[in-house]
Every structure is written in structure tokens, then in C-alpha cells.
C-alpha atoms as a PDB file:
ATOM      1  CA  MET A   1      49.345 159.240 101.818  1.00  0.00           C
ATOM      2  CA  THR A   2      50.232 156.096 100.557  1.00  0.00           C
ATOM      3  CA  MET A   3      50.393 155.410  96.574  1.00  0.00           C
ATOM      4  CA  ASP A   4      46.820 154.477  96.788  1.00  0.00           C
ATOM      5  CA  ASN A   5      44.990 157.331  98.022  1.00  0.00           C
ATOM      6  CA  ALA A   6      47.209 159.926  96.090  1.00  0.00           C
ATOM      7  CA  ILE A   7      45.382 158.079  93.115  1.00  0.00           C
ATOM      8  CA  ALA A   8      41.904 158.135  94.580  1.00  0.00           C
ATOM      9  CA  ALA A   9      42.241 161.224  95.343  1.00  0.00           C
ATOM     10  CA  VAL A  10      42.987 162.623  91.809  1.00  0.00           C
ATOM     11  CA  GLY A  11      40.129 160.714  90.682  1.00  0.00           C
ATOM     12  CA  HIS A  12      39.138 158.322  88.036  1.00  0.00           C
ATOM     13  CA  LYS A  13      37.978 159.251  84.128  1.00  0.00           C
ATOM     14  CA  VAL A  14      37.257 157.113  81.889  1.00  0.00           C
ATOM     15  CA  THR A  15      38.092 158.914  77.811  1.00  0.00           C
ATOM     16  CA  LEU A  16      36.859 156.759  74.535  1.00  0.00           C
ATOM     17  CA  ILE A  17      37.223 158.483  71.264  1.00  0.00           C
ATOM     18  CA  ASP A  18      35.677 156.906  68.173  1.00  0.00           C
ATOM     19  CA  ARG A  19      36.089 153.681  70.263  1.00  0.00           C
ATOM     20  CA  GLY A  20      39.794 153.438  69.675  1.00  0.00           C
ATOM     21  CA  ARG A  21      41.434 155.787  71.623  1.00  0.00           C
ATOM     22  CA  LEU A  22      40.830 154.681  75.583  1.00  0.00           C
ATOM     23  CA  GLU A  23      42.484 157.521  77.878  1.00  0.00           C
ATOM     24  CA  ILE A  24      42.462 156.345  81.696  1.00  0.00           C
ATOM     25  CA  THR A  25      42.855 158.234  85.243  1.00  0.00           C
ATOM     26  CA  GLY A  26      42.589 156.783  88.504  1.00  0.00           C
ATOM     27  CA  VAL A  27      44.625 153.248  87.989  1.00  0.00           C
ATOM     28  CA  ILE A  28      46.303 151.532  90.633  1.00  0.00           C
ATOM     29  CA  GLU A  29      47.341 148.283  88.576  1.00  0.00           C
ATOM     30  CA  VAL A  30      47.376 146.329  85.545  1.00  0.00           C
ATOM     31  CA  GLU A  31      46.722 143.074  86.596  1.00  0.00           C
ATOM     32  CA  SER A  32      46.819 141.532  83.085  1.00  0.00           C
ATOM     33  CA  PHE A  33      46.582 142.327  79.017  1.00  0.00           C
ATOM     34  CA  ASP A  34      46.858 141.101  76.024  1.00  0.00           C
ATOM     35  CA  GLU A  35      45.295 142.168  72.870  1.00  0.00           C
ATOM     36  CA  ASN A  36      41.746 141.390  73.434  1.00  0.00           C
ATOM     37  CA  THR A  37      41.466 141.751  77.034  1.00  0.00           C
ATOM     38  CA  ILE A  38      42.879 144.448  79.452  1.00  0.00           C
ATOM     39  CA  VAL A  39      42.461 144.428  83.722  1.00  0.00           C
ATOM     40  CA  MET A  40      43.335 146.762  85.848  1.00  0.00           C
ATOM     41  CA  SER A  41      42.046 148.136  89.027  1.00  0.00           C
ATOM     42  CA  THR A  42      40.951 151.660  89.460  1.00  0.00           C
ATOM     43  CA  SER A  43      40.140 153.752  91.989  1.00  0.00           C
ATOM     44  CA  GLN A  44      36.740 153.369  91.343  1.00  0.00           C
ATOM     45  CA  GLY A  45      37.182 148.924  91.096  1.00  0.00           C
ATOM     46  CA  GLY A  46      38.336 146.531  88.765  1.00  0.00           C
ATOM     47  CA  LEU A  47      38.241 147.298  85.466  1.00  0.00           C
ATOM     48  CA  THR A  48      37.950 145.108  82.630  1.00  0.00           C
ATOM     49  CA  VAL A  49      38.747 146.658  78.474  1.00  0.00           C
ATOM     50  CA  GLN A  50      37.813 144.015  75.856  1.00  0.00           C
ATOM     51  CA  GLY A  51      37.656 144.702  72.490  1.00  0.00           C
ATOM     52  CA  GLU A  52      40.545 143.748  69.406  1.00  0.00           C
ATOM     53  CA  GLY A  53      44.524 144.781  68.969  1.00  0.00           C
ATOM     54  CA  LEU A  54      44.665 146.658  72.431  1.00  0.00           C
ATOM     55  CA  HIS A  55      47.980 147.926  72.887  1.00  0.00           C
ATOM     56  CA  ILE A  56      48.965 149.721  75.964  1.00  0.00           C
ATOM     57  CA  GLU A  57      50.746 153.300  74.540  1.00  0.00           C
ATOM     58  CA  THR A  58      51.672 154.672  78.415  1.00  0.00           C
ATOM     59  CA  LEU A  59      51.362 153.345  81.619  1.00  0.00           C
ATOM     60  CA  SER A  60      52.173 155.690  84.325  1.00  0.00           C
ATOM     61  CA  LEU A  61      50.961 153.897  87.872  1.00  0.00           C
ATOM     62  CA  ASP A  62      52.778 156.835  89.708  1.00  0.00           C
ATOM     63  CA  GLY A  63      50.140 159.170  88.213  1.00  0.00           C
ATOM     64  CA  GLY A  64      47.557 156.299  87.361  1.00  0.00           C
ATOM     65  CA  ALA A  65      47.398 156.620  84.037  1.00  0.00           C
ATOM     66  CA  LEU A  66      46.694 154.177  80.913  1.00  0.00           C
ATOM     67  CA  LYS A  67      46.819 155.135  77.507  1.00  0.00           C
ATOM     68  CA  VAL A  68      45.439 152.283  75.171  1.00  0.00           C
ATOM     69  CA  ASP A  69      44.588 152.484  71.334  1.00  0.00           C
ATOM     70  CA  GLY A  70      43.790 149.864  69.046  1.00  0.00           C
ATOM     71  CA  THR A  71      39.585 148.834  69.035  1.00  0.00           C
ATOM     72  CA  VAL A  72      37.702 148.712  72.776  1.00  0.00           C
ATOM     73  CA  GLU A  73      34.792 146.582  72.754  1.00  0.00           C
ATOM     74  CA  SER A  74      33.516 146.924  75.913  1.00  0.00           C
ATOM     75  CA  LEU A  75      34.324 148.223  79.396  1.00  0.00           C
ATOM     76  CA  THR A  76      33.336 146.034  82.411  1.00  0.00           C
ATOM     77  CA  TYR A  77      33.518 147.330  85.956  1.00  0.00           C
ATOM     78  CA  GLU A  78      33.720 145.368  89.387  1.00  0.00           C
ATOM     79  CA  ASP A  79      32.275 146.282  92.135  1.00  0.00           C
ATOM     80  CA  ARG A  80      35.755 147.710  94.456  1.00  0.00           C
ATOM     81  CA  ALA A  81      35.035 145.038  97.334  1.00  0.00           C
ATOM     82  CA  GLU A  82      35.544 142.294  94.824  1.00  0.00           C
ATOM     83  CA  ALA A  83      38.541 143.940  92.626  1.00  0.00           C
ATOM     84  CA  ARG A  84      40.073 144.374  96.539  1.00  0.00           C
ATOM     85  CA  GLY A  85      40.764 140.463  96.372  1.00  0.00           C
ATOM     86  CA  GLY A  86      42.965 140.703  93.209  1.00  0.00           C
ATOM     87  CA  LEU A  87      43.300 138.025  90.295  1.00  0.00           C
ATOM     88  CA  TRP A  88      43.965 135.521  92.041  1.00  0.00           C
ATOM     89  CA  SER A  89      40.902 135.380  94.833  1.00  0.00           C
ATOM     90  CA  ARG A  90      38.371 135.802  91.146  1.00  0.00           C
ATOM     91  CA  LEU A  91      40.192 132.789  89.535  1.00  0.00           C
ATOM     92  CA  PHE A  92      39.537 130.599  93.000  1.00  0.00           C
ATOM     93  CA  ARG A  93      36.520 131.637  94.155  1.00  0.00           C
END
């Protein structure tokens, strides 16, 4: 079983607490991040988190878990087919 298959088997869950603490499982890769945007690939497709003062508290790619503190303003998913191409393919469409 590959790492991607193992994470997909665990599943994907998003928990947002008071818009200030975000916990995500099923994370395959964090492609980019800064205090306003976190872009990642999950077992359910690409996910972009936007907000203010975003800080990755914990990242465990072995377990596919991510914890974020800060003010979350939006969560946006991409289709899985689009997410497979990665960041570069989205930039050069």
C-alpha cells in the first residue's frame, strides 16, 4: 500500500472550531502556505484554506493530519482531477 492509498483509507475529515482552530485529516501534501492561504492536496481533492494569521501548529504527513490556528475565512475544494496536476499545472493552465 502506497502512502497516498494509506491516507485515502484513513479518510478525510475537517473540524473547524470557532473559526479559530482547524483540524484536517487525509492530507497528502501541503503545497504552499503563508499567513493568509494554505494550499494542500487531500484524499478528497485539493483544498485551499484562506484567512488571517494562519499558522500551521502541527503537520504529520505520515498520518495525514494538519492543525491550523488563526482566523479561517473560507475552505475551497478543487476537483480531484485538477488537484492531481499540482501547483505548477494550475499556474500554467
